Amino acid sequence: MPTRLSPAAVLAIVALAVFTVWITWRAKAFELDLGVNSQKLALVGKQAPDFHLPALDGRTVSLSDYRGKKLAVVFCASWNNGSHPAMASLGLFYRNNRPADADFDMVAISVGDDRKAAQDFFTQSKVTFPVLLDATEATAKAFQVRSIPAVVVIDGNGKVTWRFVGYTQRMAFDLARELGVTNVRGMEFGGSYGGRRN
């Protein structure tokens, strides 16, 4: 003969089921919110936070070093899969499309990497623009970066004008437009890896 559950046990099972449905719903809502908000950067239209970071070449680099020209700041990391194709693409874009007299520059900010990991990663990616180390992730947090790779364009007055989160093969072309590069050279165009432009 089957055992009959007491009313208290039935109530406990129902309460557990309701709680499970509620917590699953809240977790999914949080995940969706984080996914959407990771693509947004509240700083667009506002002054960019200043930074003072060590570069792989040994000097300290600040945002103020680039006053008067546009600056593309690329947040990435050796441990992030999306950063690898993004940095290869942006490294190629920079080598082929930035003349010595350009009115823009680029820096990479390596988030959470130690010096050796960053050096190996950026050497492999053939990046020739400055690479800065944000080992504590304080600069990424100041820029409200929740997902990498992320590109932020800052105008000559220090205002954030554009951002791109994720990686698509079109990213370099979108960045070129934002930097005023009209004839993009030496780049191939293809499909995407799921990044979004906002």
Protein backbone atom coordinates (compact mmCIF):
# COMPACT_ATOMS: atom_id res chain seq x y z
CA MET A 1 0.00 0.00 0.00
CA PRO A 2 1.48 3.38 -1.04
CA THR A 3 2.49 5.76 1.72
CA ARG A 4 0.34 8.81 1.94
CA LEU A 5 2.12 12.17 2.37
CA SER A 6 1.15 14.36 5.25
CA PRO A 7 -0.32 17.79 4.49
CA ALA A 8 2.90 19.39 5.80
CA ALA A 9 5.02 17.31 3.38
CA VAL A 10 2.75 18.22 0.45
CA LEU A 11 2.96 21.89 1.44
CA ALA A 12 6.77 21.65 1.66
CA ILE A 13 6.97 20.06 -1.81
CA VAL A 14 4.69 22.72 -3.31
CA ALA A 15 6.71 25.48 -1.62
CA LEU A 16 9.94 23.97 -2.94
CA ALA A 17 8.50 23.76 -6.46
CA VAL A 18 7.30 27.37 -6.35
CA PHE A 19 10.67 28.52 -5.03
CA THR A 20 12.49 26.56 -7.75
CA VAL A 21 10.36 28.12 -10.49
CA TRP A 22 10.83 31.61 -8.98
CA ILE A 23 14.63 31.32 -8.55
CA THR A 24 14.99 29.93 -12.09
CA TRP A 25 12.93 32.82 -13.46
CA ARG A 26 15.02 35.39 -11.49
CA ALA A 27 18.29 33.81 -12.64
CA LYS A 28 17.15 33.87 -16.27
CA ALA A 29 16.03 37.51 -15.94
CA PHE A 30 19.41 38.41 -14.42
CA GLU A 31 21.24 36.56 -17.19
CA LEU A 32 19.25 38.37 -19.88
CA ASP A 33 19.81 41.72 -18.17
CA LEU A 34 23.53 41.10 -17.89
CA GLY A 35 23.69 40.02 -21.54
CA VAL A 36 21.90 43.15 -22.74
CA ASN A 37 23.73 45.51 -20.40
CA SER A 38 27.12 44.01 -21.17
CA GLN A 39 26.59 45.34 -24.68
CA LYS A 40 25.90 48.86 -23.44
CA LEU A 41 28.33 51.36 -22.08
CA ALA A 42 26.79 54.14 -20.03
CA LEU A 43 29.81 56.34 -20.64
CA VAL A 44 28.95 57.15 -24.26
CA GLY A 45 28.59 60.92 -24.45
CA LYS A 46 30.48 61.40 -21.17
CA GLN A 47 34.10 62.04 -20.25
CA ALA A 48 36.22 58.90 -20.23
CA PRO A 49 37.86 57.98 -16.93
CA ASP A 50 41.57 58.76 -16.92
CA PHE A 51 43.98 55.89 -16.49
CA HIS A 52 47.66 55.50 -15.67
CA LEU A 53 48.76 51.99 -16.63
CA PRO A 54 52.08 50.24 -17.18
CA ALA A 55 52.76 49.34 -20.79
CA LEU A 56 54.55 46.22 -21.99
CA ASP A 57 57.42 48.45 -23.14
CA GLY A 58 58.00 49.63 -19.54
CA ARG A 59 56.58 53.16 -19.65
CA THR A 60 53.40 54.39 -17.95
CA VAL A 61 50.62 55.50 -20.29
CA SER A 62 47.72 57.83 -19.47
CA LEU A 63 44.61 58.80 -21.35
CA SER A 64 45.84 62.40 -21.22
CA ASP A 65 48.82 61.37 -23.39
CA TYR A 66 46.38 61.18 -26.32
CA ARG A 67 44.56 64.52 -25.93
CA GLY A 68 43.84 66.15 -29.27
CA LYS A 69 43.35 62.93 -31.26
CA LYS A 70 40.84 60.12 -31.35
CA LEU A 71 41.79 57.07 -29.36
CA ALA A 72 40.44 53.54 -29.72
CA VAL A 73 40.83 51.64 -26.45
CA VAL A 74 40.52 47.88 -26.85
CA PHE A 75 39.78 45.85 -23.70
CA CYS A 76 40.84 42.24 -24.17
CA ALA A 77 42.69 39.36 -22.49
CA SER A 78 44.77 36.33 -23.37
CA TRP A 79 42.34 34.07 -21.50
CA ASN A 80 39.30 35.28 -23.51
CA ASN A 81 38.54 33.32 -26.69
CA GLY A 82 36.89 36.28 -28.46
CA SER A 83 39.95 38.45 -27.87
CA HIS A 84 42.16 36.32 -30.12
CA PRO A 85 40.42 36.96 -33.47
CA ALA A 86 39.59 40.53 -32.41
CA MET A 87 43.21 41.42 -31.71
CA ALA A 88 44.45 39.73 -34.88
CA SER A 89 41.91 41.76 -36.87
CA LEU A 90 42.61 45.05 -35.08
CA GLY A 91 46.37 44.52 -35.28
CA LEU A 92 46.07 44.07 -39.04
CA PHE A 93 43.77 47.09 -39.32
CA TYR A 94 46.26 49.28 -37.41
CA ARG A 95 49.30 48.14 -39.41
CA ASN A 96 47.55 48.71 -42.76
CA ASN A 97 45.47 51.82 -42.07
CA ARG A 98 47.28 54.13 -39.67
CA PRO A 99 49.77 56.44 -41.36
CA ALA A 100 52.35 58.27 -39.24
CA ASP A 101 50.34 61.51 -39.46
CA ALA A 102 47.00 59.91 -38.49
CA ASP A 103 44.64 61.83 -36.22
CA PHE A 104 43.85 58.67 -34.25
CA ASP A 105 45.69 56.08 -32.22
CA MET A 106 44.94 52.79 -30.51
CA VAL A 107 45.87 51.12 -27.24
CA ALA A 108 45.02 47.68 -25.94
CA ILE A 109 44.24 47.20 -22.27
CA SER A 110 44.96 43.64 -21.21
CA VAL A 111 42.43 42.83 -18.49
CA GLY A 112 43.54 40.49 -15.70
CA ASP A 113 46.68 39.24 -17.49
CA ASP A 114 50.16 39.13 -16.03
CA ARG A 115 53.01 40.60 -18.09
CA LYS A 116 54.17 37.28 -19.61
CA ALA A 117 50.68 36.14 -20.67
CA ALA A 118 50.00 39.55 -22.24
CA GLN A 119 53.39 39.65 -23.97
CA ASP A 120 52.90 36.19 -25.50
CA PHE A 121 49.33 36.95 -26.58
CA PHE A 122 50.05 40.31 -28.21
CA THR A 123 53.21 39.07 -29.90
CA GLN A 124 51.21 36.22 -31.40
CA SER A 125 48.49 38.68 -32.48
CA LYS A 126 51.14 40.92 -34.15
CA VAL A 127 49.84 44.00 -32.33
CA THR A 128 52.10 47.01 -32.88
CA PHE A 129 50.13 49.60 -30.89
CA PRO A 130 50.77 50.06 -27.14
CA VAL A 131 49.58 47.32 -24.80
CA LEU A 132 48.70 48.35 -21.24
CA LEU A 133 48.32 46.05 -18.26
CA ASP A 134 45.17 46.24 -16.13
CA ALA A 135 46.01 43.34 -13.81
CA THR A 136 43.58 44.47 -11.10
CA GLU A 137 40.83 45.20 -13.67
CA ALA A 138 40.30 48.64 -12.10
CA THR A 139 40.39 50.45 -15.45
CA ALA A 140 37.95 47.98 -17.04
CA LYS A 141 35.61 48.59 -14.09
CA ALA A 142 36.00 52.37 -14.39
CA PHE A 143 34.95 52.07 -18.06
CA GLN A 144 32.05 49.80 -17.00
CA VAL A 145 33.29 46.98 -19.21
CA ARG A 146 31.42 43.79 -18.34
CA SER A 147 32.30 41.73 -21.38
CA ILE A 148 35.39 41.53 -23.58
CA PRO A 149 36.58 42.14 -26.17
CA ALA A 150 35.23 45.67 -26.05
CA VAL A 151 36.31 48.72 -28.04
CA VAL A 152 35.76 52.28 -26.84
CA VAL A 153 36.44 55.33 -29.01
CA ILE A 154 37.35 58.54 -27.20
CA ASP A 155 37.47 61.87 -29.03
CA GLY A 156 40.28 64.43 -28.77
CA ASN A 157 38.56 66.11 -25.82
CA GLY A 158 38.31 62.92 -23.79
CA LYS A 159 34.64 62.15 -24.45
CA VAL A 160 33.48 58.58 -25.18
CA THR A 161 31.81 58.61 -28.61
CA TRP A 162 31.35 54.94 -29.51
CA ARG A 163 31.61 51.40 -28.18
CA PHE A 164 31.51 47.90 -29.57
CA VAL A 165 31.29 44.71 -27.50
CA GLY A 166 32.12 41.24 -28.76
CA TYR A 167 33.79 40.30 -31.99
CA THR A 168 32.58 40.28 -35.56
CA GLN A 169 34.72 40.32 -38.66
CA ARG A 170 33.02 43.61 -39.46
CA MET A 171 34.30 45.21 -36.23
CA ALA A 172 37.39 46.73 -37.87
CA PHE A 173 35.24 48.31 -40.59
CA ASP A 174 32.86 49.81 -38.01
CA LEU A 175 35.85 51.09 -36.05
CA ALA A 176 37.35 52.58 -39.23
CA ARG A 177 34.15 54.53 -39.81
CA GLU A 178 34.23 55.86 -36.24
CA LEU A 179 37.88 56.87 -36.60
CA GLY A 180 37.34 58.55 -39.96
CA VAL A 181 39.33 56.03 -42.03
CA THR A 182 37.59 56.10 -45.39
CA ASN A 183 39.67 53.64 -47.42
CA VAL A 184 40.22 50.51 -45.33
CA ARG A 185 43.18 48.60 -46.73
CA GLY A 186 44.35 45.03 -46.28
CA MET A 187 41.24 43.69 -44.55
CA GLU A 188 39.01 40.80 -45.49
CA PHE A 189 35.32 40.90 -44.75
CA GLY A 190 33.30 37.86 -43.76
CA GLY A 191 30.71 36.64 -41.28
CA SER A 192 30.43 37.30 -37.59
CA TYR A 193 31.21 35.84 -34.21
CA GLY A 194 28.18 37.30 -32.48
CA GLY A 195 29.30 40.73 -31.37
CA ARG A 196 26.83 43.59 -31.30
CA ARG A 197 27.16 47.22 -32.20
CA ASN A 198 25.18 49.59 -29.97
